[in-house]
Amino acid sequence: MAVYMIFNEQVTDHSRFENYRQQAGALILRYGGRFLVRSGNVTSLEGDPGLHRVVVIEFDDMAAARRFYDSDEYRPLIQLRKSASTGYAAIVEGSPSSTRTD
């Protein structure tokens, strides 16, 4: 089952964050992640979702997502990201939309 790693970040140090972004992007691709959303403008439809810089990355399954996030290569980049932004990260399990009936 596909999973989606979602980041919602407010960048506080653009220079440091650019350093993170360049390193993390290649690493995500190497671990099989596929970018579905990378930043862009957020248009609120109902209420204030508190979204800033939104990134959604698809992985084949939870094991693949965890291999990336828990890897020795990504661990120092987590600290770099946290030093350059504030926000949240989560992994959400998904299902193919073609099989959904709701």
PDB file of N, CA and C in Angstrom:
ATOM      1  N   MET A   1       0.836  -1.169   0.000  1.00  0.00           N
ATOM      2  CA  MET A   1       0.000   0.000   0.000  1.00  0.00           C
ATOM      3  C   MET A   1       0.889   1.243   0.000  1.00  0.00           C
ATOM      4  N   ALA A   2       0.624   2.164  -0.895  1.00  0.00           N
ATOM      5  CA  ALA A   2       1.406   3.400  -0.970  1.00  0.00           C
ATOM      6  C   ALA A   2       1.229   4.210   0.308  1.00  0.00           C
ATOM      7  N   VAL A   3       2.283   4.933   0.676  1.00  0.00           N
ATOM      8  CA  VAL A   3       2.220   5.853   1.801  1.00  0.00           C
ATOM      9  C   VAL A   3       2.734   7.204   1.323  1.00  0.00           C
ATOM     10  N   TYR A   4       2.330   8.227   2.044  1.00  0.00           N
ATOM     11  CA  TYR A   4       2.657   9.587   1.668  1.00  0.00           C
ATOM     12  C   TYR A   4       3.310  10.286   2.841  1.00  0.00           C
ATOM     13  N   MET A   5       4.534  10.754   2.621  1.00  0.00           N
ATOM     14  CA  MET A   5       5.239  11.518   3.628  1.00  0.00           C
ATOM     15  C   MET A   5       4.888  12.979   3.360  1.00  0.00           C
ATOM     16  N   ILE A   6       4.366  13.641   4.379  1.00  0.00           N
ATOM     17  CA  ILE A   6       3.892  15.002   4.223  1.00  0.00           C
ATOM     18  C   ILE A   6       4.659  15.920   5.162  1.00  0.00           C
ATOM     19  N   PHE A   7       5.200  16.985   4.592  1.00  0.00           N
ATOM     20  CA  PHE A   7       5.907  18.003   5.363  1.00  0.00           C
ATOM     21  C   PHE A   7       5.152  19.314   5.216  1.00  0.00           C
ATOM     22  N   ASN A   8       4.991  20.030   6.320  1.00  0.00           N
ATOM     23  CA  ASN A   8       4.422  21.375   6.332  1.00  0.00           C
ATOM     24  C   ASN A   8       5.410  22.225   7.114  1.00  0.00           C
ATOM     25  N   GLU A   9       6.141  23.083   6.405  1.00  0.00           N
ATOM     26  CA  GLU A   9       7.233  23.803   7.043  1.00  0.00           C
ATOM     27  C   GLU A   9       7.143  25.302   6.783  1.00  0.00           C
ATOM     28  N   GLN A  10       7.546  26.049   7.780  1.00  0.00           N
ATOM     29  CA  GLN A  10       7.717  27.483   7.615  1.00  0.00           C
ATOM     30  C   GLN A  10       9.221  27.735   7.669  1.00  0.00           C
ATOM     31  N   VAL A  11       9.780  28.131   6.550  1.00  0.00           N
ATOM     32  CA  VAL A  11      11.226  28.316   6.444  1.00  0.00           C
ATOM     33  C   VAL A  11      11.637  29.568   7.207  1.00  0.00           C
ATOM     34  N   THR A  12      12.644  29.420   8.068  1.00  0.00           N
ATOM     35  CA  THR A  12      13.145  30.537   8.872  1.00  0.00           C
ATOM     36  C   THR A  12      14.547  30.965   8.448  1.00  0.00           C
ATOM     37  N   ASP A  13      15.280  30.090   7.767  1.00  0.00           N
ATOM     38  CA  ASP A  13      16.622  30.401   7.268  1.00  0.00           C
ATOM     39  C   ASP A  13      16.711  29.845   5.845  1.00  0.00           C
ATOM     40  N   HIS A  14      16.497  30.702   4.873  1.00  0.00           N
ATOM     41  CA  HIS A  14      16.398  30.258   3.479  1.00  0.00           C
ATOM     42  C   HIS A  14      17.698  29.661   2.947  1.00  0.00           C
ATOM     43  N   SER A  15      18.817  30.182   3.350  1.00  0.00           N
ATOM     44  CA  SER A  15      20.102  29.665   2.887  1.00  0.00           C
ATOM     45  C   SER A  15      20.326  28.236   3.393  1.00  0.00           C
ATOM     46  N   ARG A  16      20.116  28.034   4.668  1.00  0.00           N
ATOM     47  CA  ARG A  16      20.259  26.679   5.232  1.00  0.00           C
ATOM     48  C   ARG A  16      19.233  25.722   4.636  1.00  0.00           C
ATOM     49  N   PHE A  17      18.009  26.208   4.465  1.00  0.00           N
ATOM     50  CA  PHE A  17      16.967  25.332   3.935  1.00  0.00           C
ATOM     51  C   PHE A  17      17.287  24.919   2.503  1.00  0.00           C
ATOM     52  N   GLU A  18      17.842  25.815   1.722  1.00  0.00           N
ATOM     53  CA  GLU A  18      18.233  25.468   0.350  1.00  0.00           C
ATOM     54  C   GLU A  18      19.296  24.376   0.366  1.00  0.00           C
ATOM     55  N   ASN A  19      20.225  24.441   1.293  1.00  0.00           N
ATOM     56  CA  ASN A  19      21.235  23.403   1.460  1.00  0.00           C
ATOM     57  C   ASN A  19      20.556  22.065   1.772  1.00  0.00           C
ATOM     58  N   TYR A  20      19.604  22.081   2.698  1.00  0.00           N
ATOM     59  CA  TYR A  20      18.843  20.867   3.029  1.00  0.00           C
ATOM     60  C   TYR A  20      18.120  20.337   1.795  1.00  0.00           C
ATOM     61  N   ARG A  21      17.403  21.214   1.111  1.00  0.00           N
ATOM     62  CA  ARG A  21      16.565  20.820  -0.025  1.00  0.00           C
ATOM     63  C   ARG A  21      17.390  20.140  -1.103  1.00  0.00           C
ATOM     64  N   GLN A  22      18.544  20.692  -1.408  1.00  0.00           N
ATOM     65  CA  GLN A  22      19.391  20.109  -2.449  1.00  0.00           C
ATOM     66  C   GLN A  22      19.873  18.710  -2.066  1.00  0.00           C
ATOM     67  N   GLN A  23      20.265  18.525  -0.827  1.00  0.00           N
ATOM     68  CA  GLN A  23      20.751  17.213  -0.387  1.00  0.00           C
ATOM     69  C   GLN A  23      19.610  16.208  -0.239  1.00  0.00           C
ATOM     70  N   ALA A  24      18.507  16.646   0.340  1.00  0.00           N
ATOM     71  CA  ALA A  24      17.396  15.729   0.614  1.00  0.00           C
ATOM     72  C   ALA A  24      16.716  15.262  -0.666  1.00  0.00           C
ATOM     73  N   GLY A  25      16.593  16.143  -1.648  1.00  0.00           N
ATOM     74  CA  GLY A  25      15.904  15.779  -2.889  1.00  0.00           C
ATOM     75  C   GLY A  25      16.518  14.564  -3.562  1.00  0.00           C
ATOM     76  N   ALA A  26      17.819  14.579  -3.726  1.00  0.00           N
ATOM     77  CA  ALA A  26      18.506  13.453  -4.360  1.00  0.00           C
ATOM     78  C   ALA A  26      18.383  12.183  -3.517  1.00  0.00           C
ATOM     79  N   LEU A  27      18.457  12.336  -2.205  1.00  0.00           N
ATOM     80  CA  LEU A  27      18.362  11.187  -1.314  1.00  0.00           C
ATOM     81  C   LEU A  27      16.969  10.560  -1.372  1.00  0.00           C
ATOM     82  N   ILE A  28      15.951  11.387  -1.386  1.00  0.00           N
ATOM     83  CA  ILE A  28      14.570  10.892  -1.484  1.00  0.00           C
ATOM     84  C   ILE A  28      14.394  10.061  -2.749  1.00  0.00           C
ATOM     85  N   LEU A  29      14.884  10.566  -3.865  1.00  0.00           N
ATOM     86  CA  LEU A  29      14.777   9.831  -5.129  1.00  0.00           C
ATOM     87  C   LEU A  29      15.551   8.520  -5.065  1.00  0.00           C
ATOM     88  N   ARG A  30      16.720   8.535  -4.440  1.00  0.00           N
ATOM     89  CA  ARG A  30      17.530   7.322  -4.319  1.00  0.00           C
ATOM     90  C   ARG A  30      16.824   6.246  -3.496  1.00  0.00           C
ATOM     91  N   TYR A  31      16.002   6.666  -2.534  1.00  0.00           N
ATOM     92  CA  TYR A  31      15.253   5.711  -1.707  1.00  0.00           C
ATOM     93  C   TYR A  31      13.883   5.371  -2.302  1.00  0.00           C
ATOM     94  N   GLY A  32      13.631   5.779  -3.529  1.00  0.00           N
ATOM     95  CA  GLY A  32      12.398   5.394  -4.213  1.00  0.00           C
ATOM     96  C   GLY A  32      11.229   6.337  -4.000  1.00  0.00           C
ATOM     97  N   GLY A  33      11.451   7.479  -3.384  1.00  0.00           N
ATOM     98  CA  GLY A  33      10.373   8.443  -3.193  1.00  0.00           C
ATOM     99  C   GLY A  33      10.073   9.204  -4.474  1.00  0.00           C
ATOM    100  N   ARG A  34       8.811   9.600  -4.631  1.00  0.00           N
ATOM    101  CA  ARG A  34       8.371  10.374  -5.784  1.00  0.00           C
ATOM    102  C   ARG A  34       7.671  11.630  -5.282  1.00  0.00           C
ATOM    103  N   PHE A  35       8.155  12.777  -5.691  1.00  0.00           N
ATOM    104  CA  PHE A  35       7.535  14.032  -5.276  1.00  0.00           C
ATOM    105  C   PHE A  35       6.196  14.202  -5.982  1.00  0.00           C
ATOM    106  N   LEU A  36       5.142  14.416  -5.206  1.00  0.00           N
ATOM    107  CA  LEU A  36       3.826  14.710  -5.765  1.00  0.00           C
ATOM    108  C   LEU A  36       3.504  16.192  -5.644  1.00  0.00           C
ATOM    109  N   VAL A  37       3.963  16.801  -4.553  1.00  0.00           N
ATOM    110  CA  VAL A  37       3.761  18.232  -4.316  1.00  0.00           C
ATOM    111  C   VAL A  37       5.055  18.778  -3.747  1.00  0.00           C
ATOM    112  N   ARG A  38       5.496  19.899  -4.282  1.00  0.00           N
ATOM    113  CA  ARG A  38       6.695  20.581  -3.769  1.00  0.00           C
ATOM    114  C   ARG A  38       6.379  22.057  -3.651  1.00  0.00           C
ATOM    115  N   SER A  39       5.999  22.464  -2.472  1.00  0.00           N
ATOM    116  CA  SER A  39       5.725  23.857  -2.166  1.00  0.00           C
ATOM    117  C   SER A  39       4.564  24.369  -2.988  1.00  0.00           C
ATOM    118  N   GLY A  40       4.668  25.558  -3.503  1.00  0.00           N
ATOM    119  CA  GLY A  40       3.570  26.150  -4.253  1.00  0.00           C
ATOM    120  C   GLY A  40       2.655  26.943  -3.342  1.00  0.00           C
ATOM    121  N   ASN A  41       1.765  27.682  -3.941  1.00  0.00           N
ATOM    122  CA  ASN A  41       0.818  28.486  -3.175  1.00  0.00           C
ATOM    123  C   ASN A  41      -0.274  27.605  -2.585  1.00  0.00           C
ATOM    124  N   VAL A  42      -0.687  27.922  -1.385  1.00  0.00           N
ATOM    125  CA  VAL A  42      -1.771  27.206  -0.713  1.00  0.00           C
ATOM    126  C   VAL A  42      -2.986  28.116  -0.709  1.00  0.00           C
ATOM    127  N   THR A  43      -4.100  27.625  -1.219  1.00  0.00           N
ATOM    128  CA  THR A  43      -5.356  28.362  -1.215  1.00  0.00           C
ATOM    129  C   THR A  43      -6.303  27.669  -0.255  1.00  0.00           C
ATOM    130  N   SER A  44      -6.646  28.335   0.813  1.00  0.00           N
ATOM    131  CA  SER A  44      -7.537  27.757   1.815  1.00  0.00           C
ATOM    132  C   SER A  44      -8.972  27.763   1.293  1.00  0.00           C
ATOM    133  N   LEU A  45      -9.658  26.648   1.457  1.00  0.00           N
ATOM    134  CA  LEU A  45     -11.055  26.549   1.061  1.00  0.00           C
ATOM    135  C   LEU A  45     -11.991  26.652   2.257  1.00  0.00           C
ATOM    136  N   GLU A  46     -11.573  26.117   3.395  1.00  0.00           N
ATOM    137  CA  GLU A  46     -12.392  26.153   4.604  1.00  0.00           C
ATOM    138  C   GLU A  46     -11.479  26.286   5.809  1.00  0.00           C
ATOM    139  N   GLY A  47     -11.639  27.332   6.569  1.00  0.00           N
ATOM    140  CA  GLY A  47     -10.843  27.529   7.770  1.00  0.00           C
ATOM    141  C   GLY A  47      -9.389  27.824   7.453  1.00  0.00           C
ATOM    142  N   ASP A  48      -8.562  27.845   8.488  1.00  0.00           N
ATOM    143  CA  ASP A  48      -7.133  28.093   8.346  1.00  0.00           C
ATOM    144  C   ASP A  48      -6.397  26.789   8.594  1.00  0.00           C
ATOM    145  N   PRO A  49      -5.928  26.121   7.535  1.00  0.00           N
ATOM    146  CA  PRO A  49      -5.247  24.847   7.727  1.00  0.00           C
ATOM    147  C   PRO A  49      -3.837  24.988   8.275  1.00  0.00           C
ATOM    148  N   GLY A  50      -3.314  26.203   8.357  1.00  0.00           N
ATOM    149  CA  GLY A  50      -1.968  26.403   8.885  1.00  0.00           C
ATOM    150  C   GLY A  50      -0.890  25.842   7.985  1.00  0.00           C
ATOM    151  N   LEU A  51      -1.122  25.864   6.688  1.00  0.00           N
ATOM    152  CA  LEU A  51      -0.155  25.322   5.738  1.00  0.00           C
ATOM    153  C   LEU A  51       0.789  26.408   5.252  1.00  0.00           C
ATOM    154  N   HIS A  52       2.064  26.024   5.087  1.00  0.00           N
ATOM    155  CA  HIS A  52       3.083  26.958   4.629  1.00  0.00           C
ATOM    156  C   HIS A  52       3.747  26.378   3.388  1.00  0.00           C
ATOM    157  N   ARG A  53       4.908  25.786   3.555  1.00  0.00           N
ATOM    158  CA  ARG A  53       5.598  25.111   2.459  1.00  0.00           C
ATOM    159  C   ARG A  53       5.239  23.632   2.579  1.00  0.00           C
ATOM    160  N   VAL A  54       4.423  23.152   1.657  1.00  0.00           N
ATOM    161  CA  VAL A  54       3.904  21.784   1.729  1.00  0.00           C
ATOM    162  C   VAL A  54       4.641  20.902   0.719  1.00  0.00           C
ATOM    163  N   VAL A  55       5.083  19.747   1.199  1.00  0.00           N
ATOM    164  CA  VAL A  55       5.735  18.758   0.343  1.00  0.00           C
ATOM    165  C   VAL A  55       5.056  17.421   0.599  1.00  0.00           C
ATOM    166  N   VAL A  56       4.681  16.725  -0.481  1.00  0.00           N
ATOM    167  CA  VAL A  56       4.089  15.388  -0.378  1.00  0.00           C
ATOM    168  C   VAL A  56       4.937  14.456  -1.234  1.00  0.00           C
ATOM    169  N   ILE A  57       5.423  13.384  -0.594  1.00  0.00           N
ATOM    170  CA  ILE A  57       6.288  12.418  -1.264  1.00  0.00           C
ATOM    171  C   ILE A  57       5.633  11.049  -1.159  1.00  0.00           C
ATOM    172  N   GLU A  58       5.515  10.362  -2.277  1.00  0.00           N
ATOM    173  CA  GLU A  58       4.919   9.029  -2.287  1.00  0.00           C
ATOM    174  C   GLU A  58       6.020   7.973  -2.233  1.00  0.00           C
ATOM    175  N   PHE A  59       5.816   6.967  -1.385  1.00  0.00           N
ATOM    176  CA  PHE A  59       6.671   5.788  -1.313  1.00  0.00           C
ATOM    177  C   PHE A  59       5.796   4.564  -1.556  1.00  0.00           C
ATOM    178  N   ASP A  60       6.395   3.481  -2.024  1.00  0.00           N
ATOM    179  CA  ASP A  60       5.626   2.269  -2.327  1.00  0.00           C
ATOM    180  C   ASP A  60       4.918   1.687  -1.115  1.00  0.00           C
ATOM    181  N   ASP A  61       5.564   1.790   0.051  1.00  0.00           N
ATOM    182  CA  ASP A  61       4.969   1.227   1.257  1.00  0.00           C
ATOM    183  C   ASP A  61       5.632   1.858   2.484  1.00  0.00           C
ATOM    184  N   MET A  62       5.112   1.507   3.644  1.00  0.00           N
ATOM    185  CA  MET A  62       5.626   2.070   4.893  1.00  0.00           C
ATOM    186  C   MET A  62       7.092   1.711   5.108  1.00  0.00           C
ATOM    187  N   ALA A  63       7.471   0.487   4.760  1.00  0.00           N
ATOM    188  CA  ALA A  63       8.860   0.059   4.952  1.00  0.00           C
ATOM    189  C   ALA A  63       9.809   0.931   4.131  1.00  0.00           C
ATOM    190  N   ALA A  64       9.447   1.256   2.906  1.00  0.00           N
ATOM    191  CA  ALA A  64      10.301   2.096   2.058  1.00  0.00           C
ATOM    192  C   ALA A  64      10.415   3.505   2.633  1.00  0.00           C
ATOM    193  N   ALA A  65       9.310   4.058   3.108  1.00  0.00           N
ATOM    194  CA  ALA A  65       9.322   5.396   3.700  1.00  0.00           C
ATOM    195  C   ALA A  65      10.195   5.425   4.953  1.00  0.00           C
ATOM    196  N   ARG A  66      10.076   4.401   5.786  1.00  0.00           N
ATOM    197  CA  ARG A  66      10.867   4.356   7.016  1.00  0.00           C
ATOM    198  C   ARG A  66      12.352   4.135   6.713  1.00  0.00           C
ATOM    199  N   ARG A  67      12.655   3.338   5.675  1.00  0.00           N
ATOM    200  CA  ARG A  67      14.064   3.140   5.295  1.00  0.00           C
ATOM    201  C   ARG A  67      14.702   4.485   4.961  1.00  0.00           C
ATOM    202  N   PHE A  68      13.967   5.323   4.241  1.00  0.00           N
ATOM    203  CA  PHE A  68      14.483   6.654   3.929  1.00  0.00           C
ATOM    204  C   PHE A  68      14.608   7.492   5.196  1.00  0.00           C
ATOM    205  N   TYR A  69      13.511   7.670   5.924  1.00  0.00           N
ATOM    206  CA  TYR A  69      13.494   8.601   7.057  1.00  0.00           C
ATOM    207  C   TYR A  69      14.467   8.197   8.164  1.00  0.00           C
ATOM    208  N   ASP A  70      14.606   6.904   8.391  1.00  0.00           N
ATOM    209  CA  ASP A  70      15.470   6.401   9.462  1.00  0.00           C
ATOM    210  C   ASP A  70      16.906   6.133   9.013  1.00  0.00           C
ATOM    211  N   SER A  71      17.229   6.445   7.762  1.00  0.00           N
ATOM    212  CA  SER A  71      18.552   6.119   7.230  1.00  0.00           C
ATOM    213  C   SER A  71      19.653   6.977   7.862  1.00  0.00           C
ATOM    214  N   ASP A  72      20.847   6.419   7.877  1.00  0.00           N
ATOM    215  CA  ASP A  72      22.010   7.157   8.372  1.00  0.00           C
ATOM    216  C   ASP A  72      22.272   8.407   7.532  1.00  0.00           C
ATOM    217  N   GLU A  73      21.945   8.342   6.224  1.00  0.00           N
ATOM    218  CA  GLU A  73      22.171   9.487   5.349  1.00  0.00           C
ATOM    219  C   GLU A  73      21.204  10.639   5.635  1.00  0.00           C
ATOM    220  N   TYR A  74      19.958  10.316   6.010  1.00  0.00           N
ATOM    221  CA  TYR A  74      18.967  11.376   6.219  1.00  0.00           C
ATOM    222  C   TYR A  74      19.027  11.967   7.628  1.00  0.00           C
ATOM    223  N   ARG A  75      19.478  11.200   8.592  1.00  0.00           N
ATOM    224  CA  ARG A  75      19.489  11.657   9.994  1.00  0.00           C
ATOM    225  C   ARG A  75      20.107  13.051  10.164  1.00  0.00           C
ATOM    226  N   PRO A  76      21.300  13.335   9.615  1.00  0.00           N
ATOM    227  CA  PRO A  76      21.841  14.695   9.787  1.00  0.00           C
ATOM    228  C   PRO A  76      21.030  15.750   9.032  1.00  0.00           C
ATOM    229  N   LEU A  77      20.357  15.339   7.978  1.00  0.00           N
ATOM    230  CA  LEU A  77      19.540  16.298   7.225  1.00  0.00           C
ATOM    231  C   LEU A  77      18.281  16.689   7.993  1.00  0.00           C
ATOM    232  N   ILE A  78      17.785  15.796   8.839  1.00  0.00           N
ATOM    233  CA  ILE A  78      16.651  16.148   9.699  1.00  0.00           C
ATOM    234  C   ILE A  78      17.042  17.320  10.585  1.00  0.00           C
ATOM    235  N   GLN A  79      18.221  17.242  11.167  1.00  0.00           N
ATOM    236  CA  GLN A  79      18.680  18.326  12.031  1.00  0.00           C
ATOM    237  C   GLN A  79      18.894  19.620  11.247  1.00  0.00           C
ATOM    238  N   LEU A  80      19.416  19.510  10.034  1.00  0.00           N
ATOM    239  CA  LEU A  80      19.590  20.691   9.185  1.00  0.00           C
ATOM    240  C   LEU A  80      18.233  21.313   8.867  1.00  0.00           C
ATOM    241  N   ARG A  81      17.251  20.482   8.501  1.00  0.00           N
ATOM    242  CA  ARG A  81      15.899  20.989   8.200  1.00  0.00           C
ATOM    243  C   ARG A  81      15.306  21.682   9.412  1.00  0.00           C
ATOM    244  N   LYS A  82      15.456  21.078  10.583  1.00  0.00           N
ATOM    245  CA  LYS A  82      14.890  21.659  11.800  1.00  0.00           C
ATOM    246  C   LYS A  82      15.592  22.961  12.193  1.00  0.00           C
ATOM    247  N   SER A  83      16.863  23.118  11.813  1.00  0.00           N
ATOM    248  CA  SER A  83      17.568  24.356  12.121  1.00  0.00           C
ATOM    249  C   SER A  83      17.192  25.478  11.157  1.00  0.00           C
ATOM    250  N   ALA A  84      16.536  25.126  10.054  1.00  0.00           N
ATOM    251  CA  ALA A  84      16.195  26.110   9.027  1.00  0.00           C
ATOM    252  C   ALA A  84      14.698  26.330   8.876  1.00  0.00           C
ATOM    253  N   SER A  85      13.887  25.601   9.653  1.00  0.00           N
ATOM    254  CA  SER A  85      12.435  25.716   9.508  1.00  0.00           C
ATOM    255  C   SER A  85      11.741  25.214  10.772  1.00  0.00           C
ATOM    256  N   THR A  86      10.462  25.545  10.867  1.00  0.00           N
ATOM    257  CA  THR A  86       9.609  24.958  11.895  1.00  0.00           C
ATOM    258  C   THR A  86       8.453  24.300  11.168  1.00  0.00           C
ATOM    259  N   GLY A  87       7.905  23.255  11.743  1.00  0.00           N
ATOM    260  CA  GLY A  87       6.780  22.613  11.073  1.00  0.00           C
ATOM    261  C   GLY A  87       6.548  21.206  11.547  1.00  0.00           C
ATOM    262  N   TYR A  88       5.919  20.449  10.675  1.00  0.00           N
ATOM    263  CA  TYR A  88       5.475  19.102  11.005  1.00  0.00           C
ATOM    264  C   TYR A  88       5.797  18.148   9.866  1.00  0.00           C
ATOM    265  N   ALA A  89       5.957  16.884  10.212  1.00  0.00           N
ATOM    266  CA  ALA A  89       6.139  15.817   9.232  1.00  0.00           C
ATOM    267  C   ALA A  89       5.303  14.634   9.678  1.00  0.00           C
ATOM    268  N   ALA A  90       4.730  13.924   8.708  1.00  0.00           N
ATOM    269  CA  ALA A  90       3.904  12.755   9.018  1.00  0.00           C
ATOM    270  C   ALA A  90       3.947  11.786   7.845  1.00  0.00           C
ATOM    271  N   ILE A  91       3.618  10.543   8.130  1.00  0.00           N
ATOM    272  CA  ILE A  91       3.438   9.537   7.080  1.00  0.00           C
ATOM    273  C   ILE A  91       1.973   9.111   7.131  1.00  0.00           C
ATOM    274  N   VAL A  92       1.333   9.142   5.976  1.00  0.00           N
ATOM    275  CA  VAL A  92      -0.083   8.800   5.883  1.00  0.00           C
ATOM    276  C   VAL A  92      -0.223   7.605   4.952  1.00  0.00           C
ATOM    277  N   GLU A  93      -0.909   6.546   5.422  1.00  0.00           N
ATOM    278  CA  GLU A  93      -1.168   5.402   4.553  1.00  0.00           C
ATOM    279  C   GLU A  93      -2.266   5.790   3.577  1.00  0.00           C
ATOM    280  N   GLY A  94      -2.123   5.298   2.350  1.00  0.00           N
ATOM    281  CA  GLY A  94      -3.109   5.601   1.327  1.00  0.00           C
ATOM    282  C   GLY A  94      -3.581   4.333   0.640  1.00  0.00           C
ATOM    283  N   SER A  95      -4.521   4.505  -0.237  1.00  0.00           N
ATOM    284  CA  SER A  95      -4.976   3.396  -1.067  1.00  0.00           C
ATOM    285  C   SER A  95      -5.225   3.931  -2.457  1.00  0.00           C
ATOM    286  N   PRO A  96      -5.058   3.102  -3.473  1.00  0.00           N
ATOM    287  CA  PRO A  96      -5.261   3.580  -4.837  1.00  0.00           C
ATOM    288  C   PRO A  96      -6.672   4.119  -5.013  1.00  0.00           C
ATOM    289  N   SER A  97      -6.795   5.276  -5.632  1.00  0.00           N
ATOM    290  CA  SER A  97      -8.111   5.892  -5.794  1.00  0.00           C
ATOM    291  C   SER A  97      -9.024   5.081  -6.698  1.00  0.00           C
ATOM    292  N   SER A  98      -8.455   4.266  -7.574  1.00  0.00           N
ATOM    293  CA  SER A  98      -9.278   3.481  -8.490  1.00  0.00           C
ATOM    294  C   SER A  98     -10.023   2.368  -7.775  1.00  0.00           C
ATOM    295  N   THR A  99      -9.616   2.008  -6.554  1.00  0.00           N
ATOM    296  CA  THR A  99     -10.294   0.930  -5.830  1.00  0.00           C
ATOM    297  C   THR A  99     -11.201   1.455  -4.739  1.00  0.00           C
ATOM    298  N   ARG A 100     -11.242   2.763  -4.539  1.00  0.00           N
ATOM    299  CA  ARG A 100     -12.059   3.353  -3.477  1.00  0.00           C
ATOM    300  C   ARG A 100     -13.507   3.450  -3.912  1.00  0.00           C
ATOM    301  N   THR A 101     -14.395   3.250  -2.970  1.00  0.00           N
ATOM    302  CA  THR A 101     -15.817   3.370  -3.281  1.00  0.00           C
ATOM    303  C   THR A 101     -16.474   4.475  -2.481  1.00  0.00           C
ATOM    304  N   ASP A 102     -15.702   5.175  -1.628  1.00  0.00           N
ATOM    305  CA  ASP A 102     -16.301   6.255  -0.831  1.00  0.00           C
ATOM    306  C   ASP A 102     -15.961   7.624  -1.358  1.00  0.00           C
TER     307      ASP A 102
END
